[in-house]
């Protein structure tokens, strides 16, 4: 009886920590999104630089965080209008493909996870269905959105990315960190819901910006306090669930689902005018 009560108490504690962590990540990601100078600098750029300088991240963590913080620094220059912010958004779309491929080749070459790697290549291709736009006339804040030609395209792409990325996390990191990344992946979705009142200026259109912010914030937290997260976010039931997701039939099912989602994204895009892209001038 005592053991059962202790296990139940531990589950509640882990759940509570995950909820608090997700709420904190969501709030910081939103602040950094709306205020790329006054919130982004203290919440993302400065802590990331300190962690990269003082901590000892593994190669993938270091590479990923360096890429993210570089773009978080560049967005400051865009917000200051040192160049046309739309150029920054164009670069972000390219960097999204690069970041997806980084993880995909890690899955393929290091972990030999062919099914999720196939999903990763599909998700990378699906980026062409998104169009990023800097909102020069936003009523609140100074930021960009990324959307498909119709809202369903954005929603399907977000779902495909989220499924693929979480499976990658379970391959690359421990069960505790995989649970932690549920917070990372939930934060931009929560942020999108919280900004629905902005209409065309919020909602899932903000997902990409919030994903970049939450990943960067979570990145320096994960590197700086990895041992704490490894210990405090471990749950035996969740570990069993992760093990279940690694079974071949599950991996194949998720791959097929991801391929279907990206196929739908591309079909809807080409059925509604196709892909349109023009290079922006550095000058506003």
C-alpha atoms as a PDB file:
ATOM      1  CA  UNK A   1       0.000   0.000   0.000  1.00  0.00           C
ATOM      2  CA  UNK A   2       2.751   2.429   0.959  1.00  0.00           C
ATOM      3  CA  UNK A   3       4.619   1.729  -2.285  1.00  0.00           C
ATOM      4  CA  UNK A   4       1.464   2.328  -4.323  1.00  0.00           C
ATOM      5  CA  UNK A   5       0.821   5.634  -2.564  1.00  0.00           C
ATOM      6  CA  UNK A   6       4.427   6.745  -3.096  1.00  0.00           C
ATOM      7  CA  UNK A   7       4.228   5.911  -6.805  1.00  0.00           C
ATOM      8  CA  UNK A   8       0.962   7.825  -7.153  1.00  0.00           C
ATOM      9  CA  UNK A   9       2.424  10.800  -5.303  1.00  0.00           C
ATOM     10  CA  UNK A  10       5.462  10.776  -7.575  1.00  0.00           C
ATOM     11  CA  UNK A  11       3.236  10.783 -10.688  1.00  0.00           C
ATOM     12  CA  UNK A  12       1.318  13.796  -9.372  1.00  0.00           C
ATOM     13  CA  UNK A  13       4.549  15.618  -8.583  1.00  0.00           C
ATOM     14  CA  UNK A  14       5.995  14.940 -12.034  1.00  0.00           C
ATOM     15  CA  UNK A  15       2.754  16.067 -13.684  1.00  0.00           C
ATOM     16  CA  UNK A  16       2.708  19.240 -11.599  1.00  0.00           C
ATOM     17  CA  UNK A  17       6.322  20.032 -12.516  1.00  0.00           C
ATOM     18  CA  UNK A  18       5.564  19.445 -16.194  1.00  0.00           C
ATOM     19  CA  UNK A  19       2.544  21.763 -16.069  1.00  0.00           C
ATOM     20  CA  UNK A  20       4.509  24.510 -14.311  1.00  0.00           C
ATOM     21  CA  UNK A  21       7.424  24.088 -16.701  1.00  0.00           C
ATOM     22  CA  UNK A  22       5.141  24.240 -19.754  1.00  0.00           C
ATOM     23  CA  UNK A  23       3.353  27.322 -18.431  1.00  0.00           C
ATOM     24  CA  UNK A  24       6.662  29.091 -17.809  1.00  0.00           C
ATOM     25  CA  UNK A  25       8.004  28.189 -21.257  1.00  0.00           C
ATOM     26  CA  UNK A  26       4.753  29.324 -22.898  1.00  0.00           C
ATOM     27  CA  UNK A  27       4.766  32.676 -21.124  1.00  0.00           C
ATOM     28  CA  UNK A  28       8.414  33.420 -21.879  1.00  0.00           C
ATOM     29  CA  UNK A  29       7.999  32.345 -25.515  1.00  0.00           C
ATOM     30  CA  UNK A  30       5.053  34.711 -25.952  1.00  0.00           C
ATOM     31  CA  UNK A  31       6.881  37.637 -24.364  1.00  0.00           C
ATOM     32  CA  UNK A  32       9.956  37.039 -26.511  1.00  0.00           C
ATOM     33  CA  UNK A  33       7.759  36.776 -29.613  1.00  0.00           C
ATOM     34  CA  UNK A  34       5.979  40.088 -29.142  1.00  0.00           C
ATOM     35  CA  UNK A  35       9.037  41.942 -27.849  1.00  0.00           C
ATOM     36  CA  UNK A  36      12.134  40.765 -29.762  1.00  0.00           C
ATOM     37  CA  UNK A  37      14.331  43.329 -28.019  1.00  0.00           C
ATOM     38  CA  UNK A  38      13.085  43.840 -24.462  1.00  0.00           C
ATOM     39  CA  UNK A  39      12.049  40.226 -23.733  1.00  0.00           C
ATOM     40  CA  UNK A  40      14.001  38.173 -26.267  1.00  0.00           C
ATOM     41  CA  UNK A  41      17.375  39.469 -25.079  1.00  0.00           C
ATOM     42  CA  UNK A  42      17.034  38.696 -21.333  1.00  0.00           C
ATOM     43  CA  UNK A  43      14.947  35.518 -21.745  1.00  0.00           C
ATOM     44  CA  UNK A  44      16.750  33.855 -24.643  1.00  0.00           C
ATOM     45  CA  UNK A  45      19.915  35.505 -25.939  1.00  0.00           C
ATOM     46  CA  UNK A  46      21.789  36.257 -22.711  1.00  0.00           C
ATOM     47  CA  UNK A  47      21.013  32.936 -20.919  1.00  0.00           C
ATOM     48  CA  UNK A  48      21.851  30.978 -24.089  1.00  0.00           C
ATOM     49  CA  UNK A  49      25.224  32.684 -24.485  1.00  0.00           C
ATOM     50  CA  UNK A  50      26.023  32.058 -20.809  1.00  0.00           C
ATOM     51  CA  UNK A  51      25.084  28.372 -21.055  1.00  0.00           C
ATOM     52  CA  UNK A  52      27.072  27.862 -24.254  1.00  0.00           C
ATOM     53  CA  UNK A  53      30.056  29.532 -22.612  1.00  0.00           C
ATOM     54  CA  UNK A  54      29.950  27.940 -19.160  1.00  0.00           C
ATOM     55  CA  UNK A  55      28.236  24.567 -19.606  1.00  0.00           C
ATOM     56  CA  UNK A  56      29.347  21.518 -21.567  1.00  0.00           C
ATOM     57  CA  UNK A  57      26.535  20.570 -23.943  1.00  0.00           C
ATOM     58  CA  UNK A  58      26.712  17.512 -26.170  1.00  0.00           C
ATOM     59  CA  UNK A  59      27.373  18.171 -29.864  1.00  0.00           C
ATOM     60  CA  UNK A  60      23.756  18.151 -31.056  1.00  0.00           C
ATOM     61  CA  UNK A  61      22.589  20.368 -28.175  1.00  0.00           C
ATOM     62  CA  UNK A  62      25.410  22.840 -28.810  1.00  0.00           C
ATOM     63  CA  UNK A  63      24.832  22.950 -32.563  1.00  0.00           C
ATOM     64  CA  UNK A  64      21.082  23.392 -32.164  1.00  0.00           C
ATOM     65  CA  UNK A  65      21.301  26.093 -29.496  1.00  0.00           C
ATOM     66  CA  UNK A  66      23.977  28.009 -31.423  1.00  0.00           C
ATOM     67  CA  UNK A  67      21.742  28.043 -34.498  1.00  0.00           C
ATOM     68  CA  UNK A  68      18.741  29.170 -32.491  1.00  0.00           C
ATOM     69  CA  UNK A  69      20.532  31.914 -30.570  1.00  0.00           C
ATOM     70  CA  UNK A  70      22.087  33.236 -33.790  1.00  0.00           C
ATOM     71  CA  UNK A  71      18.598  33.747 -35.189  1.00  0.00           C
ATOM     72  CA  UNK A  72      17.408  35.248 -31.890  1.00  0.00           C
ATOM     73  CA  UNK A  73      20.229  37.797 -32.153  1.00  0.00           C
ATOM     74  CA  UNK A  74      19.438  38.510 -35.789  1.00  0.00           C
ATOM     75  CA  UNK A  75      15.782  39.190 -34.978  1.00  0.00           C
ATOM     76  CA  UNK A  76      16.943  42.008 -32.692  1.00  0.00           C
ATOM     77  CA  UNK A  77      18.628  43.661 -35.664  1.00  0.00           C
ATOM     78  CA  UNK A  78      15.472  43.141 -37.709  1.00  0.00           C
ATOM     79  CA  UNK A  79      13.338  44.714 -34.972  1.00  0.00           C
ATOM     80  CA  UNK A  80      15.729  47.673 -34.879  1.00  0.00           C
ATOM     81  CA  UNK A  81      15.179  47.994 -38.658  1.00  0.00           C
ATOM     82  CA  UNK A  82      18.867  47.664 -39.446  1.00  0.00           C
ATOM     83  CA  UNK A  83      17.574  45.816 -42.503  1.00  0.00           C
ATOM     84  CA  UNK A  84      14.216  44.790 -43.928  1.00  0.00           C
ATOM     85  CA  UNK A  85      12.647  42.400 -41.344  1.00  0.00           C
ATOM     86  CA  UNK A  86      11.011  40.440 -44.162  1.00  0.00           C
ATOM     87  CA  UNK A  87      14.502  39.283 -45.165  1.00  0.00           C
ATOM     88  CA  UNK A  88      14.860  37.819 -41.681  1.00  0.00           C
ATOM     89  CA  UNK A  89      11.624  35.884 -42.117  1.00  0.00           C
ATOM     90  CA  UNK A  90      12.808  34.514 -45.465  1.00  0.00           C
ATOM     91  CA  UNK A  91      16.002  33.310 -43.781  1.00  0.00           C
ATOM     92  CA  UNK A  92      13.977  31.766 -40.929  1.00  0.00           C
ATOM     93  CA  UNK A  93      12.037  29.609 -43.380  1.00  0.00           C
ATOM     94  CA  UNK A  94      15.323  28.358 -44.823  1.00  0.00           C
ATOM     95  CA  UNK A  95      16.742  27.745 -41.338  1.00  0.00           C
ATOM     96  CA  UNK A  96      13.650  25.730 -40.437  1.00  0.00           C
ATOM     97  CA  UNK A  97      14.511  23.330 -43.256  1.00  0.00           C
ATOM     98  CA  UNK A  98      18.149  23.220 -42.109  1.00  0.00           C
ATOM     99  CA  UNK A  99      17.177  22.479 -38.502  1.00  0.00           C
ATOM    100  CA  UNK A 100      14.783  19.719 -39.535  1.00  0.00           C
ATOM    101  CA  UNK A 101      17.471  18.143 -41.722  1.00  0.00           C
ATOM    102  CA  UNK A 102      20.002  18.330 -38.867  1.00  0.00           C
ATOM    103  CA  UNK A 103      17.730  16.193 -36.735  1.00  0.00           C
ATOM    104  CA  UNK A 104      16.743  13.950 -39.637  1.00  0.00           C
ATOM    105  CA  UNK A 105      20.318  13.054 -40.538  1.00  0.00           C
ATOM    106  CA  UNK A 106      21.029  12.480 -36.833  1.00  0.00           C
ATOM    107  CA  UNK A 107      18.116  10.019 -36.769  1.00  0.00           C
ATOM    108  CA  UNK A 108      19.279   8.350 -39.953  1.00  0.00           C
ATOM    109  CA  UNK A 109      23.042   8.161 -39.450  1.00  0.00           C
ATOM    110  CA  UNK A 110      23.473   7.966 -35.666  1.00  0.00           C
ATOM    111  CA  UNK A 111      20.339   6.202 -34.485  1.00  0.00           C
ATOM    112  CA  UNK A 112      19.500   4.236 -37.666  1.00  0.00           C
ATOM    113  CA  UNK A 113      15.842   5.245 -37.297  1.00  0.00           C
ATOM    114  CA  UNK A 114      14.870   5.007 -40.956  1.00  0.00           C
ATOM    115  CA  UNK A 115      11.111   5.444 -40.468  1.00  0.00           C
ATOM    116  CA  UNK A 116      11.324   8.690 -38.522  1.00  0.00           C
ATOM    117  CA  UNK A 117      14.063   9.895 -40.879  1.00  0.00           C
ATOM    118  CA  UNK A 118      11.657   9.459 -43.796  1.00  0.00           C
ATOM    119  CA  UNK A 119       9.111  11.495 -41.813  1.00  0.00           C
ATOM    120  CA  UNK A 120      11.784  14.151 -41.241  1.00  0.00           C
ATOM    121  CA  UNK A 121      12.554  14.489 -44.946  1.00  0.00           C
ATOM    122  CA  UNK A 122       8.827  14.841 -45.640  1.00  0.00           C
ATOM    123  CA  UNK A 123       8.428  17.504 -42.929  1.00  0.00           C
ATOM    124  CA  UNK A 124      11.407  19.390 -44.414  1.00  0.00           C
ATOM    125  CA  UNK A 125       9.784  19.345 -47.853  1.00  0.00           C
ATOM    126  CA  UNK A 126       6.515  20.519 -46.330  1.00  0.00           C
ATOM    127  CA  UNK A 127       8.101  23.814 -45.269  1.00  0.00           C
ATOM    128  CA  UNK A 128       7.591  25.078 -48.839  1.00  0.00           C
ATOM    129  CA  UNK A 129       3.855  25.203 -48.087  1.00  0.00           C
ATOM    130  CA  UNK A 130       4.399  27.865 -45.399  1.00  0.00           C
ATOM    131  CA  UNK A 131       4.861  31.555 -46.089  1.00  0.00           C
ATOM    132  CA  UNK A 132       6.419  33.834 -43.502  1.00  0.00           C
ATOM    133  CA  UNK A 133       5.365  37.473 -43.236  1.00  0.00           C
ATOM    134  CA  UNK A 134       6.680  40.219 -40.958  1.00  0.00           C
ATOM    135  CA  UNK A 135       3.718  42.110 -39.516  1.00  0.00           C
ATOM    136  CA  UNK A 136       4.697  45.725 -40.017  1.00  0.00           C
ATOM    137  CA  UNK A 137       1.183  46.837 -39.059  1.00  0.00           C
ATOM    138  CA  UNK A 138       0.689  44.607 -36.005  1.00  0.00           C
ATOM    139  CA  UNK A 139      -1.405  46.276 -33.308  1.00  0.00           C
ATOM    140  CA  UNK A 140       0.634  44.622 -30.550  1.00  0.00           C
ATOM    141  CA  UNK A 141       4.351  43.874 -30.591  1.00  0.00           C
ATOM    142  CA  UNK A 142       6.803  43.488 -33.474  1.00  0.00           C
ATOM    143  CA  UNK A 143       6.920  39.972 -34.927  1.00  0.00           C
ATOM    144  CA  UNK A 144       6.186  37.647 -37.851  1.00  0.00           C
ATOM    145  CA  UNK A 145       3.747  34.873 -38.673  1.00  0.00           C
ATOM    146  CA  UNK A 146       4.055  31.809 -40.898  1.00  0.00           C
ATOM    147  CA  UNK A 147       0.951  30.315 -42.495  1.00  0.00           C
ATOM    148  CA  UNK A 148      -0.242  28.102 -45.317  1.00  0.00           C
ATOM    149  CA  UNK A 149      -2.556  29.228 -48.105  1.00  0.00           C
ATOM    150  CA  UNK A 150      -5.505  28.027 -46.006  1.00  0.00           C
ATOM    151  CA  UNK A 151      -5.640  27.517 -42.210  1.00  0.00           C
ATOM    152  CA  UNK A 152      -5.912  23.733 -42.578  1.00  0.00           C
ATOM    153  CA  UNK A 153      -2.478  23.641 -44.247  1.00  0.00           C
ATOM    154  CA  UNK A 154      -0.918  25.313 -41.210  1.00  0.00           C
ATOM    155  CA  UNK A 155      -2.723  22.992 -38.788  1.00  0.00           C
ATOM    156  CA  UNK A 156      -1.748  19.814 -40.657  1.00  0.00           C
ATOM    157  CA  UNK A 157       1.867  20.902 -40.954  1.00  0.00           C
ATOM    158  CA  UNK A 158       2.088  21.731 -37.240  1.00  0.00           C
ATOM    159  CA  UNK A 159       0.687  18.282 -36.384  1.00  0.00           C
ATOM    160  CA  UNK A 160       3.165  16.520 -38.692  1.00  0.00           C
ATOM    161  CA  UNK A 161       6.108  18.478 -37.306  1.00  0.00           C
ATOM    162  CA  UNK A 162       5.080  17.863 -33.692  1.00  0.00           C
ATOM    163  CA  UNK A 163       4.709  14.093 -34.151  1.00  0.00           C
ATOM    164  CA  UNK A 164       7.995  13.788 -36.045  1.00  0.00           C
ATOM    165  CA  UNK A 165       9.981  15.967 -33.639  1.00  0.00           C
ATOM    166  CA  UNK A 166       8.827  14.201 -30.492  1.00  0.00           C
ATOM    167  CA  UNK A 167       9.792  10.810 -31.897  1.00  0.00           C
ATOM    168  CA  UNK A 168      13.200  12.270 -32.757  1.00  0.00           C
ATOM    169  CA  UNK A 169      13.549  13.450 -29.152  1.00  0.00           C
ATOM    170  CA  UNK A 170      12.867   9.944 -27.841  1.00  0.00           C
ATOM    171  CA  UNK A 171      15.673   8.662 -30.072  1.00  0.00           C
ATOM    172  CA  UNK A 172      18.185  11.359 -29.119  1.00  0.00           C
ATOM    173  CA  UNK A 173      17.532  11.879 -25.408  1.00  0.00           C
ATOM    174  CA  UNK A 174      16.448  10.062 -22.240  1.00  0.00           C
ATOM    175  CA  UNK A 175      12.861   9.351 -21.213  1.00  0.00           C
ATOM    176  CA  UNK A 176      12.998  12.236 -18.722  1.00  0.00           C
ATOM    177  CA  UNK A 177      14.060  14.702 -21.418  1.00  0.00           C
ATOM    178  CA  UNK A 178      11.402  13.281 -23.751  1.00  0.00           C
ATOM    179  CA  UNK A 179       8.798  14.191 -21.118  1.00  0.00           C
ATOM    180  CA  UNK A 180      10.380  17.614 -20.786  1.00  0.00           C
ATOM    181  CA  UNK A 181      10.024  18.101 -24.547  1.00  0.00           C
ATOM    182  CA  UNK A 182       6.294  17.587 -24.288  1.00  0.00           C
ATOM    183  CA  UNK A 183       6.418  20.970 -22.581  1.00  0.00           C
ATOM    184  CA  UNK A 184       8.585  22.388 -25.377  1.00  0.00           C
ATOM    185  CA  UNK A 185       6.212  21.144 -28.061  1.00  0.00           C
ATOM    186  CA  UNK A 186       3.054  22.110 -26.165  1.00  0.00           C
ATOM    187  CA  UNK A 187       4.184  25.685 -25.481  1.00  0.00           C
ATOM    188  CA  UNK A 188       3.812  27.006 -29.064  1.00  0.00           C
ATOM    189  CA  UNK A 189       0.409  25.317 -29.345  1.00  0.00           C
ATOM    190  CA  UNK A 190      -0.705  26.928 -26.085  1.00  0.00           C
ATOM    191  CA  UNK A 191       0.673  30.247 -27.292  1.00  0.00           C
ATOM    192  CA  UNK A 192      -1.245  29.893 -30.544  1.00  0.00           C
ATOM    193  CA  UNK A 193      -4.467  29.346 -28.606  1.00  0.00           C
ATOM    194  CA  UNK A 194      -3.729  32.335 -26.377  1.00  0.00           C
ATOM    195  CA  UNK A 195      -3.310  34.594 -29.430  1.00  0.00           C
ATOM    196  CA  UNK A 196      -6.464  33.568 -31.294  1.00  0.00           C
ATOM    197  CA  UNK A 197      -7.988  36.900 -30.279  1.00  0.00           C
ATOM    198  CA  UNK A 198      -5.518  38.578 -32.646  1.00  0.00           C
ATOM    199  CA  UNK A 199      -7.266  37.015 -35.628  1.00  0.00           C
ATOM    200  CA  UNK A 200      -5.013  36.880 -38.695  1.00  0.00           C
ATOM    201  CA  UNK A 201      -2.191  38.285 -36.554  1.00  0.00           C
ATOM    202  CA  UNK A 202      -2.147  35.366 -34.128  1.00  0.00           C
ATOM    203  CA  UNK A 203      -3.262  31.772 -33.741  1.00  0.00           C
ATOM    204  CA  UNK A 204      -1.318  29.044 -35.511  1.00  0.00           C
ATOM    205  CA  UNK A 205       0.363  31.740 -37.583  1.00  0.00           C
ATOM    206  CA  UNK A 206       2.514  32.408 -34.525  1.00  0.00           C
ATOM    207  CA  UNK A 207       3.388  28.743 -34.051  1.00  0.00           C
ATOM    208  CA  UNK A 208       6.746  28.862 -35.856  1.00  0.00           C
ATOM    209  CA  UNK A 209       7.968  31.915 -33.938  1.00  0.00           C
ATOM    210  CA  UNK A 210       6.791  30.445 -30.645  1.00  0.00           C
ATOM    211  CA  UNK A 211       8.370  27.092 -31.509  1.00  0.00           C
ATOM    212  CA  UNK A 212      11.721  28.761 -32.134  1.00  0.00           C
ATOM    213  CA  UNK A 213      11.446  30.688 -28.866  1.00  0.00           C
ATOM    214  CA  UNK A 214      10.316  27.745 -26.733  1.00  0.00           C
ATOM    215  CA  UNK A 215      13.027  25.519 -28.205  1.00  0.00           C
ATOM    216  CA  UNK A 216      15.721  28.101 -27.488  1.00  0.00           C
ATOM    217  CA  UNK A 217      14.477  28.707 -23.931  1.00  0.00           C
ATOM    218  CA  UNK A 218      14.131  24.991 -23.336  1.00  0.00           C
ATOM    219  CA  UNK A 219      17.547  24.453 -24.887  1.00  0.00           C
ATOM    220  CA  UNK A 220      19.465  26.561 -22.407  1.00  0.00           C
ATOM    221  CA  UNK A 221      17.374  25.156 -19.560  1.00  0.00           C
ATOM    222  CA  UNK A 222      18.013  21.576 -20.646  1.00  0.00           C
ATOM    223  CA  UNK A 223      21.749  22.125 -21.000  1.00  0.00           C
ATOM    224  CA  UNK A 224      22.107  24.179 -17.838  1.00  0.00           C
ATOM    225  CA  UNK A 225      20.044  21.912 -15.574  1.00  0.00           C
ATOM    226  CA  UNK A 226      20.147  18.551 -17.328  1.00  0.00           C
ATOM    227  CA  UNK A 227      20.830  16.515 -14.186  1.00  0.00           C
ATOM    228  CA  UNK A 228      17.858  18.107 -12.400  1.00  0.00           C
ATOM    229  CA  UNK A 229      15.509  17.366 -15.298  1.00  0.00           C
ATOM    230  CA  UNK A 230      16.849  13.822 -15.643  1.00  0.00           C
ATOM    231  CA  UNK A 231      16.025  13.201 -11.987  1.00  0.00           C
ATOM    232  CA  UNK A 232      12.843  15.216 -11.473  1.00  0.00           C
ATOM    233  CA  UNK A 233      11.080  14.402 -14.751  1.00  0.00           C
ATOM    234  CA  UNK A 234      11.468  10.639 -14.634  1.00  0.00           C
ATOM    235  CA  UNK A 235       8.251   8.644 -14.570  1.00  0.00           C
ATOM    236  CA  UNK A 236       8.202   4.866 -14.941  1.00  0.00           C
ATOM    237  CA  UNK A 237       4.840   4.746 -16.728  1.00  0.00           C
ATOM    238  CA  UNK A 238       5.967   7.367 -19.200  1.00  0.00           C
ATOM    239  CA  UNK A 239       9.192   5.432 -19.789  1.00  0.00           C
ATOM    240  CA  UNK A 240       7.092   2.399 -20.700  1.00  0.00           C
ATOM    241  CA  UNK A 241       5.069   4.540 -23.096  1.00  0.00           C
ATOM    242  CA  UNK A 242       8.258   5.773 -24.788  1.00  0.00           C
ATOM    243  CA  UNK A 243       9.419   2.169 -25.134  1.00  0.00           C
ATOM    244  CA  UNK A 244       6.089   1.326 -26.770  1.00  0.00           C
ATOM    245  CA  UNK A 245       6.484   4.144 -29.320  1.00  0.00           C
ATOM    246  CA  UNK A 246       9.852   2.688 -30.339  1.00  0.00           C
ATOM    247  CA  UNK A 247       8.297  -0.566 -31.539  1.00  0.00           C
ATOM    248  CA  UNK A 248       8.560  -1.099 -35.286  1.00  0.00           C
ATOM    249  CA  UNK A 249       4.782  -1.223 -35.980  1.00  0.00           C
ATOM    250  CA  UNK A 250       4.277   2.061 -34.110  1.00  0.00           C
ATOM    251  CA  UNK A 251       7.185   3.709 -35.919  1.00  0.00           C
ATOM    252  CA  UNK A 252       5.827   2.606 -39.291  1.00  0.00           C
ATOM    253  CA  UNK A 253       2.319   3.803 -38.396  1.00  0.00           C
ATOM    254  CA  UNK A 254       3.605   7.236 -37.378  1.00  0.00           C
ATOM    255  CA  UNK A 255       5.696   7.452 -40.553  1.00  0.00           C
ATOM    256  CA  UNK A 256       2.646   6.679 -42.709  1.00  0.00           C
ATOM    257  CA  UNK A 257       0.599   9.237 -40.761  1.00  0.00           C
ATOM    258  CA  UNK A 258       3.275  11.897 -41.226  1.00  0.00           C
ATOM    259  CA  UNK A 259       3.583  11.179 -44.941  1.00  0.00           C
ATOM    260  CA  UNK A 260      -0.202  11.432 -45.272  1.00  0.00           C
ATOM    261  CA  UNK A 261      -0.247  14.753 -43.414  1.00  0.00           C
ATOM    262  CA  UNK A 262       2.488  16.262 -45.579  1.00  0.00           C
ATOM    263  CA  UNK A 263       0.831  14.899 -48.723  1.00  0.00           C
ATOM    264  CA  UNK A 264      -2.389  16.641 -47.649  1.00  0.00           C
ATOM    265  CA  UNK A 265      -0.430  19.841 -46.950  1.00  0.00           C
ATOM    266  CA  UNK A 266       1.054  19.842 -50.444  1.00  0.00           C
ATOM    267  CA  UNK A 267      -2.227  18.848 -52.118  1.00  0.00           C
ATOM    268  CA  UNK A 268      -4.147  21.651 -50.411  1.00  0.00           C
ATOM    269  CA  UNK A 269      -1.389  24.129 -51.203  1.00  0.00           C
ATOM    270  CA  UNK A 270      -1.297  23.352 -54.919  1.00  0.00           C
ATOM    271  CA  UNK A 271      -5.096  23.227 -55.017  1.00  0.00           C
ATOM    272  CA  UNK A 272      -5.284  26.769 -53.667  1.00  0.00           C
ATOM    273  CA  UNK A 273      -2.897  28.696 -55.857  1.00  0.00           C
ATOM    274  CA  UNK A 274       0.346  26.832 -55.250  1.00  0.00           C
ATOM    275  CA  UNK A 275       3.604  28.152 -53.819  1.00  0.00           C
ATOM    276  CA  UNK A 276       4.548  31.796 -54.218  1.00  0.00           C
ATOM    277  CA  UNK A 277       7.852  33.261 -53.102  1.00  0.00           C
ATOM    278  CA  UNK A 278       9.820  36.375 -53.990  1.00  0.00           C
ATOM    279  CA  UNK A 279      13.160  37.427 -52.511  1.00  0.00           C
ATOM    280  CA  UNK A 280      12.830  40.537 -50.384  1.00  0.00           C
ATOM    281  CA  UNK A 281      15.071  43.551 -50.636  1.00  0.00           C
ATOM    282  CA  UNK A 282      17.398  44.326 -47.713  1.00  0.00           C
ATOM    283  CA  UNK A 283      15.957  47.824 -47.673  1.00  0.00           C
ATOM    284  CA  UNK A 284      12.462  48.433 -46.355  1.00  0.00           C
END
